[in-house]
PDB file of N, CA and C in Angstrom:
ATOM      1  N   UNK A   1       0.834  -1.181   0.000  1.00  0.00           N
ATOM      2  CA  UNK A   1       0.000   0.000   0.000  1.00  0.00           C
ATOM      3  C   UNK A   1       0.879   1.245   0.000  1.00  0.00           C
ATOM      4  N   UNK A   2       0.606   2.149  -0.917  1.00  0.00           N
ATOM      5  CA  UNK A   2       1.397   3.356  -1.058  1.00  0.00           C
ATOM      6  C   UNK A   2       0.888   4.438  -0.128  1.00  0.00           C
ATOM      7  N   UNK A   3       1.799   5.150   0.507  1.00  0.00           N
ATOM      8  CA  UNK A   3       1.452   6.222   1.420  1.00  0.00           C
ATOM      9  C   UNK A   3       1.242   7.505   0.621  1.00  0.00           C
ATOM     10  N   UNK A   4       0.138   8.177   0.855  1.00  0.00           N
ATOM     11  CA  UNK A   4      -0.143   9.452   0.206  1.00  0.00           C
ATOM     12  C   UNK A   4       0.127  10.563   1.205  1.00  0.00           C
ATOM     13  N   UNK A   5       0.886  11.548   0.763  1.00  0.00           N
ATOM     14  CA  UNK A   5       1.194  12.671   1.636  1.00  0.00           C
ATOM     15  C   UNK A   5      -0.040  13.533   1.816  1.00  0.00           C
ATOM     16  N   UNK A   6      -0.370  13.799   3.049  1.00  0.00           N
ATOM     17  CA  UNK A   6      -1.545  14.607   3.343  1.00  0.00           C
ATOM     18  C   UNK A   6      -1.184  15.846   4.128  1.00  0.00           C
ATOM     19  N   UNK A   7      -2.180  16.642   4.456  1.00  0.00           N
ATOM     20  CA  UNK A   7      -1.927  17.899   5.164  1.00  0.00           C
ATOM     21  C   UNK A   7      -1.380  17.708   6.575  1.00  0.00           C
ATOM     22  N   UNK A   8      -1.529  16.533   7.138  1.00  0.00           N
ATOM     23  CA  UNK A   8      -1.028  16.290   8.496  1.00  0.00           C
ATOM     24  C   UNK A   8       0.267  15.500   8.529  1.00  0.00           C
ATOM     25  N   UNK A   9       0.890  15.276   7.371  1.00  0.00           N
ATOM     26  CA  UNK A   9       2.135  14.517   7.331  1.00  0.00           C
ATOM     27  C   UNK A   9       3.243  15.355   7.976  1.00  0.00           C
ATOM     28  N   UNK A  10       3.829  14.867   9.051  1.00  0.00           N
ATOM     29  CA  UNK A  10       4.846  15.666   9.750  1.00  0.00           C
ATOM     30  C   UNK A  10       6.090  15.916   8.910  1.00  0.00           C
ATOM     31  N   UNK A  11       6.405  15.016   7.986  1.00  0.00           N
ATOM     32  CA  UNK A  11       7.584  15.245   7.144  1.00  0.00           C
ATOM     33  C   UNK A  11       7.394  16.474   6.264  1.00  0.00           C
ATOM     34  N   UNK A  12       6.203  16.617   5.697  1.00  0.00           N
ATOM     35  CA  UNK A  12       5.929  17.765   4.837  1.00  0.00           C
ATOM     36  C   UNK A  12       5.918  19.042   5.668  1.00  0.00           C
ATOM     37  N   UNK A  13       5.260  18.994   6.795  1.00  0.00           N
ATOM     38  CA  UNK A  13       5.178  20.170   7.659  1.00  0.00           C
ATOM     39  C   UNK A  13       6.581  20.638   8.077  1.00  0.00           C
ATOM     40  N   UNK A  14       7.424  19.719   8.490  1.00  0.00           N
ATOM     41  CA  UNK A  14       8.778  20.075   8.928  1.00  0.00           C
ATOM     42  C   UNK A  14       9.625  20.588   7.771  1.00  0.00           C
ATOM     43  N   UNK A  15       9.515  19.941   6.602  1.00  0.00           N
ATOM     44  CA  UNK A  15      10.285  20.382   5.439  1.00  0.00           C
ATOM     45  C   UNK A  15       9.822  21.757   4.982  1.00  0.00           C
ATOM     46  N   UNK A  16       8.514  21.987   4.941  1.00  0.00           N
ATOM     47  CA  UNK A  16       7.990  23.291   4.525  1.00  0.00           C
ATOM     48  C   UNK A  16       8.442  24.386   5.494  1.00  0.00           C
ATOM     49  N   UNK A  17       8.446  24.077   6.774  1.00  0.00           N
ATOM     50  CA  UNK A  17       8.902  25.046   7.772  1.00  0.00           C
ATOM     51  C   UNK A  17      10.376  25.380   7.555  1.00  0.00           C
ATOM     52  N   UNK A  18      11.179  24.350   7.301  1.00  0.00           N
ATOM     53  CA  UNK A  18      12.612  24.573   7.070  1.00  0.00           C
ATOM     54  C   UNK A  18      12.832  25.437   5.820  1.00  0.00           C
ATOM     55  N   UNK A  19      12.079  25.150   4.753  1.00  0.00           N
ATOM     56  CA  UNK A  19      12.190  25.948   3.528  1.00  0.00           C
ATOM     57  C   UNK A  19      11.819  27.410   3.795  1.00  0.00           C
ATOM     58  N   UNK A  20      10.758  27.623   4.562  1.00  0.00           N
ATOM     59  CA  UNK A  20      10.317  28.966   4.920  1.00  0.00           C
ATOM     60  C   UNK A  20      11.412  29.708   5.685  1.00  0.00           C
ATOM     61  N   UNK A  21      12.021  29.016   6.647  1.00  0.00           N
ATOM     62  CA  UNK A  21      13.102  29.641   7.425  1.00  0.00           C
ATOM     63  C   UNK A  21      14.310  29.942   6.550  1.00  0.00           C
ATOM     64  N   UNK A  22      14.663  29.000   5.668  1.00  0.00           N
ATOM     65  CA  UNK A  22      15.827  29.194   4.798  1.00  0.00           C
ATOM     66  C   UNK A  22      15.645  30.382   3.859  1.00  0.00           C
ATOM     67  N   UNK A  23      14.409  30.698   3.502  1.00  0.00           N
ATOM     68  CA  UNK A  23      14.125  31.831   2.617  1.00  0.00           C
ATOM     69  C   UNK A  23      13.931  33.135   3.383  1.00  0.00           C
ATOM     70  N   UNK A  24      14.173  33.107   4.673  1.00  0.00           N
ATOM     71  CA  UNK A  24      14.069  34.334   5.459  1.00  0.00           C
ATOM     72  C   UNK A  24      12.681  34.613   5.991  1.00  0.00           C
ATOM     73  N   UNK A  25      11.864  33.581   6.107  1.00  0.00           N
ATOM     74  CA  UNK A  25      10.513  33.683   6.657  1.00  0.00           C
ATOM     75  C   UNK A  25       9.626  34.688   5.918  1.00  0.00           C
ATOM     76  N   UNK A  26       9.547  34.568   4.589  1.00  0.00           N
ATOM     77  CA  UNK A  26       8.718  35.524   3.833  1.00  0.00           C
ATOM     78  C   UNK A  26       7.225  35.296   4.075  1.00  0.00           C
ATOM     79  N   UNK A  27       6.459  36.373   3.958  1.00  0.00           N
ATOM     80  CA  UNK A  27       4.999  36.295   4.080  1.00  0.00           C
ATOM     81  C   UNK A  27       4.393  35.746   2.796  1.00  0.00           C
ATOM     82  N   UNK A  28       3.266  35.106   2.929  1.00  0.00           N
ATOM     83  CA  UNK A  28       2.434  34.674   1.802  1.00  0.00           C
ATOM     84  C   UNK A  28       3.111  33.669   0.867  1.00  0.00           C
ATOM     85  N   UNK A  29       4.046  32.871   1.351  1.00  0.00           N
ATOM     86  CA  UNK A  29       4.705  31.864   0.520  1.00  0.00           C
ATOM     87  C   UNK A  29       4.443  30.455   1.041  1.00  0.00           C
ATOM     88  N   UNK A  30       3.538  30.317   2.002  1.00  0.00           N
ATOM     89  CA  UNK A  30       3.328  29.021   2.649  1.00  0.00           C
ATOM     90  C   UNK A  30       2.886  27.949   1.661  1.00  0.00           C
ATOM     91  N   UNK A  31       2.064  28.285   0.692  1.00  0.00           N
ATOM     92  CA  UNK A  31       1.624  27.276  -0.276  1.00  0.00           C
ATOM     93  C   UNK A  31       2.770  26.825  -1.175  1.00  0.00           C
ATOM     94  N   UNK A  32       3.653  27.767  -1.530  1.00  0.00           N
ATOM     95  CA  UNK A  32       4.825  27.408  -2.333  1.00  0.00           C
ATOM     96  C   UNK A  32       5.744  26.467  -1.561  1.00  0.00           C
ATOM     97  N   UNK A  33       5.977  26.793  -0.295  1.00  0.00           N
ATOM     98  CA  UNK A  33       6.854  25.950   0.522  1.00  0.00           C
ATOM     99  C   UNK A  33       6.237  24.568   0.736  1.00  0.00           C
ATOM    100  N   UNK A  34       4.949  24.541   0.955  1.00  0.00           N
ATOM    101  CA  UNK A  34       4.266  23.262   1.169  1.00  0.00           C
ATOM    102  C   UNK A  34       4.357  22.404  -0.097  1.00  0.00           C
ATOM    103  N   UNK A  35       4.118  23.013  -1.256  1.00  0.00           N
ATOM    104  CA  UNK A  35       4.179  22.271  -2.521  1.00  0.00           C
ATOM    105  C   UNK A  35       5.593  21.767  -2.787  1.00  0.00           C
ATOM    106  N   UNK A  36       6.591  22.601  -2.536  1.00  0.00           N
ATOM    107  CA  UNK A  36       7.978  22.184  -2.737  1.00  0.00           C
ATOM    108  C   UNK A  36       8.342  21.047  -1.787  1.00  0.00           C
ATOM    109  N   UNK A  37       7.948  21.160  -0.542  1.00  0.00           N
ATOM    110  CA  UNK A  37       8.234  20.105   0.435  1.00  0.00           C
ATOM    111  C   UNK A  37       7.575  18.798   0.017  1.00  0.00           C
ATOM    112  N   UNK A  38       6.344  18.863  -0.444  1.00  0.00           N
ATOM    113  CA  UNK A  38       5.636  17.665  -0.890  1.00  0.00           C
ATOM    114  C   UNK A  38       6.356  17.026  -2.064  1.00  0.00           C
ATOM    115  N   UNK A  39       6.747  17.841  -3.052  1.00  0.00           N
ATOM    116  CA  UNK A  39       7.474  17.302  -4.219  1.00  0.00           C
ATOM    117  C   UNK A  39       8.776  16.634  -3.807  1.00  0.00           C
ATOM    118  N   UNK A  40       9.551  17.287  -2.938  1.00  0.00           N
ATOM    119  CA  UNK A  40      10.837  16.735  -2.505  1.00  0.00           C
ATOM    120  C   UNK A  40      10.652  15.399  -1.792  1.00  0.00           C
ATOM    121  N   UNK A  41       9.680  15.325  -0.913  1.00  0.00           N
ATOM    122  CA  UNK A  41       9.467  14.093  -0.144  1.00  0.00           C
ATOM    123  C   UNK A  41       8.929  12.984  -1.043  1.00  0.00           C
ATOM    124  N   UNK A  42       8.031  13.329  -1.973  1.00  0.00           N
ATOM    125  CA  UNK A  42       7.540  12.317  -2.914  1.00  0.00           C
ATOM    126  C   UNK A  42       8.682  11.756  -3.741  1.00  0.00           C
ATOM    127  N   UNK A  43       9.603  12.612  -4.184  1.00  0.00           N
ATOM    128  CA  UNK A  43      10.762  12.152  -4.960  1.00  0.00           C
ATOM    129  C   UNK A  43      11.653  11.256  -4.105  1.00  0.00           C
ATOM    130  N   UNK A  44      11.899  11.638  -2.868  1.00  0.00           N
ATOM    131  CA  UNK A  44      12.694  10.797  -1.967  1.00  0.00           C
ATOM    132  C   UNK A  44      12.028   9.445  -1.767  1.00  0.00           C
ATOM    133  N   UNK A  45      10.708   9.449  -1.582  1.00  0.00           N
ATOM    134  CA  UNK A  45       9.978   8.199  -1.394  1.00  0.00           C
ATOM    135  C   UNK A  45      10.077   7.314  -2.632  1.00  0.00           C
ATOM    136  N   UNK A  46      10.006   7.927  -3.831  1.00  0.00           N
ATOM    137  CA  UNK A  46      10.146   7.134  -5.070  1.00  0.00           C
ATOM    138  C   UNK A  46      11.528   6.509  -5.160  1.00  0.00           C
ATOM    139  N   UNK A  47      12.571   7.294  -4.828  1.00  0.00           N
ATOM    140  CA  UNK A  47      13.944   6.767  -4.890  1.00  0.00           C
ATOM    141  C   UNK A  47      14.147   5.643  -3.879  1.00  0.00           C
ATOM    142  N   UNK A  48      13.498   5.735  -2.739  1.00  0.00           N
ATOM    143  CA  UNK A  48      13.690   4.761  -1.669  1.00  0.00           C
ATOM    144  C   UNK A  48      12.684   3.621  -1.689  1.00  0.00           C
ATOM    145  N   UNK A  49      11.801   3.598  -2.668  1.00  0.00           N
ATOM    146  CA  UNK A  49      10.714   2.614  -2.690  1.00  0.00           C
ATOM    147  C   UNK A  49      11.217   1.172  -2.703  1.00  0.00           C
ATOM    148  N   UNK A  50      12.358   0.916  -3.302  1.00  0.00           N
ATOM    149  CA  UNK A  50      12.842  -0.455  -3.392  1.00  0.00           C
ATOM    150  C   UNK A  50      13.602  -0.925  -2.171  1.00  0.00           C
ATOM    151  N   UNK A  51      13.966  -0.035  -1.290  1.00  0.00           N
ATOM    152  CA  UNK A  51      14.778  -0.425  -0.146  1.00  0.00           C
ATOM    153  C   UNK A  51      14.048  -0.243   1.161  1.00  0.00           C
ATOM    154  N   UNK A  52      14.697  -0.574   2.248  1.00  0.00           N
ATOM    155  CA  UNK A  52      14.061  -0.460   3.563  1.00  0.00           C
ATOM    156  C   UNK A  52      13.942   0.991   3.987  1.00  0.00           C
ATOM    157  N   UNK A  53      13.005   1.275   4.845  1.00  0.00           N
ATOM    158  CA  UNK A  53      12.870   2.606   5.431  1.00  0.00           C
ATOM    159  C   UNK A  53      14.026   2.809   6.402  1.00  0.00           C
ATOM    160  N   UNK A  54      14.360   4.047   6.647  1.00  0.00           N
ATOM    161  CA  UNK A  54      15.504   4.374   7.497  1.00  0.00           C
ATOM    162  C   UNK A  54      15.400   3.731   8.871  1.00  0.00           C
ATOM    163  N   UNK A  55      14.233   3.688   9.452  1.00  0.00           N
ATOM    164  CA  UNK A  55      14.078   3.156  10.800  1.00  0.00           C
ATOM    165  C   UNK A  55      13.616   1.707  10.836  1.00  0.00           C
ATOM    166  N   UNK A  56      13.636   1.032   9.691  1.00  0.00           N
ATOM    167  CA  UNK A  56      13.182  -0.354   9.676  1.00  0.00           C
ATOM    168  C   UNK A  56      14.267  -1.268  10.240  1.00  0.00           C
ATOM    169  N   UNK A  57      13.895  -2.476  10.664  1.00  0.00           N
ATOM    170  CA  UNK A  57      14.885  -3.407  11.212  1.00  0.00           C
ATOM    171  C   UNK A  57      15.956  -3.800  10.197  1.00  0.00           C
ATOM    172  N   UNK A  58      15.617  -3.737   8.895  1.00  0.00           N
ATOM    173  CA  UNK A  58      16.567  -4.139   7.861  1.00  0.00           C
ATOM    174  C   UNK A  58      17.363  -2.973   7.286  1.00  0.00           C
ATOM    175  N   UNK A  59      17.197  -1.791   7.821  1.00  0.00           N
ATOM    176  CA  UNK A  59      17.879  -0.628   7.266  1.00  0.00           C
ATOM    177  C   UNK A  59      19.380  -0.858   7.232  1.00  0.00           C
ATOM    178  N   UNK A  60      19.961  -0.551   6.092  1.00  0.00           N
ATOM    179  CA  UNK A  60      21.399  -0.710   5.920  1.00  0.00           C
ATOM    180  C   UNK A  60      21.814  -2.111   5.536  1.00  0.00           C
ATOM    181  N   UNK A  61      20.898  -3.071   5.515  1.00  0.00           N
ATOM    182  CA  UNK A  61      21.256  -4.443   5.199  1.00  0.00           C
ATOM    183  C   UNK A  61      20.813  -4.856   3.798  1.00  0.00           C
ATOM    184  N   UNK A  62      19.867  -4.157   3.234  1.00  0.00           N
ATOM    185  CA  UNK A  62      19.339  -4.534   1.927  1.00  0.00           C
ATOM    186  C   UNK A  62      20.255  -4.038   0.821  1.00  0.00           C
ATOM    187  N   UNK A  63      20.239  -4.748  -0.286  1.00  0.00           N
ATOM    188  CA  UNK A  63      21.004  -4.370  -1.462  1.00  0.00           C
ATOM    189  C   UNK A  63      20.051  -3.645  -2.405  1.00  0.00           C
ATOM    190  N   UNK A  64      20.462  -2.497  -2.955  1.00  0.00           N
ATOM    191  CA  UNK A  64      19.570  -1.789  -3.863  1.00  0.00           C
ATOM    192  C   UNK A  64      19.157  -2.672  -5.031  1.00  0.00           C
ATOM    193  N   UNK A  65      17.910  -2.579  -5.432  1.00  0.00           N
ATOM    194  CA  UNK A  65      17.406  -3.389  -6.525  1.00  0.00           C
ATOM    195  C   UNK A  65      17.402  -2.552  -7.795  1.00  0.00           C
ATOM    196  N   UNK A  66      18.575  -2.252  -8.302  1.00  0.00           N
ATOM    197  CA  UNK A  66      18.671  -1.512  -9.544  1.00  0.00           C
ATOM    198  C   UNK A  66      19.666  -2.202 -10.470  1.00  0.00           C
ATOM    199  N   UNK A  67      19.682  -1.794 -11.708  1.00  0.00           N
ATOM    200  CA  UNK A  67      20.493  -2.458 -12.722  1.00  0.00           C
ATOM    201  C   UNK A  67      21.977  -2.401 -12.392  1.00  0.00           C
ATOM    202  N   UNK A  68      22.476  -1.265 -11.923  1.00  0.00           N
ATOM    203  CA  UNK A  68      23.909  -1.140 -11.620  1.00  0.00           C
ATOM    204  C   UNK A  68      24.313  -2.102 -10.503  1.00  0.00           C
ATOM    205  N   UNK A  69      23.499  -2.199  -9.472  1.00  0.00           N
ATOM    206  CA  UNK A  69      23.812  -3.104  -8.365  1.00  0.00           C
ATOM    207  C   UNK A  69      23.758  -4.560  -8.828  1.00  0.00           C
ATOM    208  N   UNK A  70      22.759  -4.890  -9.647  1.00  0.00           N
ATOM    209  CA  UNK A  70      22.668  -6.262 -10.162  1.00  0.00           C
ATOM    210  C   UNK A  70      23.880  -6.587 -11.021  1.00  0.00           C
ATOM    211  N   UNK A  71      24.278  -5.654 -11.884  1.00  0.00           N
ATOM    212  CA  UNK A  71      25.454  -5.885 -12.732  1.00  0.00           C
ATOM    213  C   UNK A  71      26.704  -6.088 -11.895  1.00  0.00           C
ATOM    214  N   UNK A  72      26.846  -5.305 -10.840  1.00  0.00           N
ATOM    215  CA  UNK A  72      28.011  -5.446  -9.967  1.00  0.00           C
ATOM    216  C   UNK A  72      28.007  -6.815  -9.291  1.00  0.00           C
ATOM    217  N   UNK A  73      26.841  -7.248  -8.795  1.00  0.00           N
ATOM    218  CA  UNK A  73      26.760  -8.562  -8.151  1.00  0.00           C
ATOM    219  C   UNK A  73      27.069  -9.677  -9.133  1.00  0.00           C
ATOM    220  N   UNK A  74      26.481  -9.575 -10.344  1.00  0.00           N
ATOM    221  CA  UNK A  74      26.711 -10.618 -11.341  1.00  0.00           C
ATOM    222  C   UNK A  74      28.174 -10.678 -11.748  1.00  0.00           C
ATOM    223  N   UNK A  75      28.825  -9.523 -11.908  1.00  0.00           N
ATOM    224  CA  UNK A  75      30.242  -9.513 -12.268  1.00  0.00           C
ATOM    225  C   UNK A  75      31.079 -10.124 -11.152  1.00  0.00           C
ATOM    226  N   UNK A  76      30.762  -9.784  -9.914  1.00  0.00           N
ATOM    227  CA  UNK A  76      31.500 -10.335  -8.780  1.00  0.00           C
ATOM    228  C   UNK A  76      31.311 -11.851  -8.698  1.00  0.00           C
ATOM    229  N   UNK A  77      30.069 -12.316  -8.934  1.00  0.00           N
ATOM    230  CA  UNK A  77      29.816 -13.758  -8.918  1.00  0.00           C
ATOM    231  C   UNK A  77      30.580 -14.453 -10.029  1.00  0.00           C
ATOM    232  N   UNK A  78      30.623 -13.825 -11.194  1.00  0.00           N
ATOM    233  CA  UNK A  78      31.343 -14.392 -12.330  1.00  0.00           C
ATOM    234  C   UNK A  78      32.832 -14.509 -12.025  1.00  0.00           C
ATOM    235  N   UNK A  79      33.365 -13.542 -11.309  1.00  0.00           N
ATOM    236  CA  UNK A  79      34.786 -13.550 -10.959  1.00  0.00           C
ATOM    237  C   UNK A  79      35.070 -14.377  -9.716  1.00  0.00           C
ATOM    238  N   UNK A  80      34.021 -14.909  -9.104  1.00  0.00           N
ATOM    239  CA  UNK A  80      34.205 -15.769  -7.943  1.00  0.00           C
ATOM    240  C   UNK A  80      34.402 -15.008  -6.638  1.00  0.00           C
ATOM    241  N   UNK A  81      34.037 -13.763  -6.609  1.00  0.00           N
ATOM    242  CA  UNK A  81      34.155 -12.980  -5.390  1.00  0.00           C
ATOM    243  C   UNK A  81      32.900 -13.148  -4.576  1.00  0.00           C
ATOM    244  N   UNK A  82      33.046 -13.280  -3.273  1.00  0.00           N
ATOM    245  CA  UNK A  82      31.871 -13.466  -2.431  1.00  0.00           C
ATOM    246  C   UNK A  82      31.587 -12.237  -1.570  1.00  0.00           C
ATOM    247  N   UNK A  83      32.306 -11.131  -1.781  1.00  0.00           N
ATOM    248  CA  UNK A  83      32.127  -9.982  -0.905  1.00  0.00           C
ATOM    249  C   UNK A  83      30.926  -9.117  -1.281  1.00  0.00           C
ATOM    250  N   UNK A  84      30.321  -9.365  -2.440  1.00  0.00           N
ATOM    251  CA  UNK A  84      29.157  -8.570  -2.855  1.00  0.00           C
ATOM    252  C   UNK A  84      27.906  -9.321  -2.498  1.00  0.00           C
ATOM    253  N   UNK A  85      26.964  -8.700  -1.784  1.00  0.00           N
ATOM    254  CA  UNK A  85      25.730  -9.396  -1.388  1.00  0.00           C
ATOM    255  C   UNK A  85      24.906  -9.825  -2.589  1.00  0.00           C
ATOM    256  N   UNK A  86      24.173 -10.888  -2.430  1.00  0.00           N
ATOM    257  CA  UNK A  86      23.292 -11.367  -3.491  1.00  0.00           C
ATOM    258  C   UNK A  86      21.877 -10.904  -3.247  1.00  0.00           C
ATOM    259  N   UNK A  87      20.979 -11.169  -4.224  1.00  0.00           N
ATOM    260  CA  UNK A  87      19.580 -10.778  -4.098  1.00  0.00           C
ATOM    261  C   UNK A  87      18.820 -11.631  -3.101  1.00  0.00           C
ATOM    262  N   UNK A  88      19.302 -12.804  -2.774  1.00  0.00           N
ATOM    263  CA  UNK A  88      18.558 -13.701  -1.911  1.00  0.00           C
ATOM    264  C   UNK A  88      18.674 -13.368  -0.455  1.00  0.00           C
TER     265      UNK A  88
END
């Protein structure tokens, strides 16, 4: 199930607040900051969709599921190296 960012998502609220502060706390820009924060977090979530969440029990143990990582594992297996984690 995919998580949809809503108005009460603390990540968006905190990111929008940080953006507002970084811009010098301008008036009447809250919707811009909120939209930017939402876009940034959605992009981060898309990039991280294949791996564990930062606070999950498996964080830092999973191997990225992308073509470059697969190619590296396959090359290492072909060369007989066991230091690269496998998909299993």
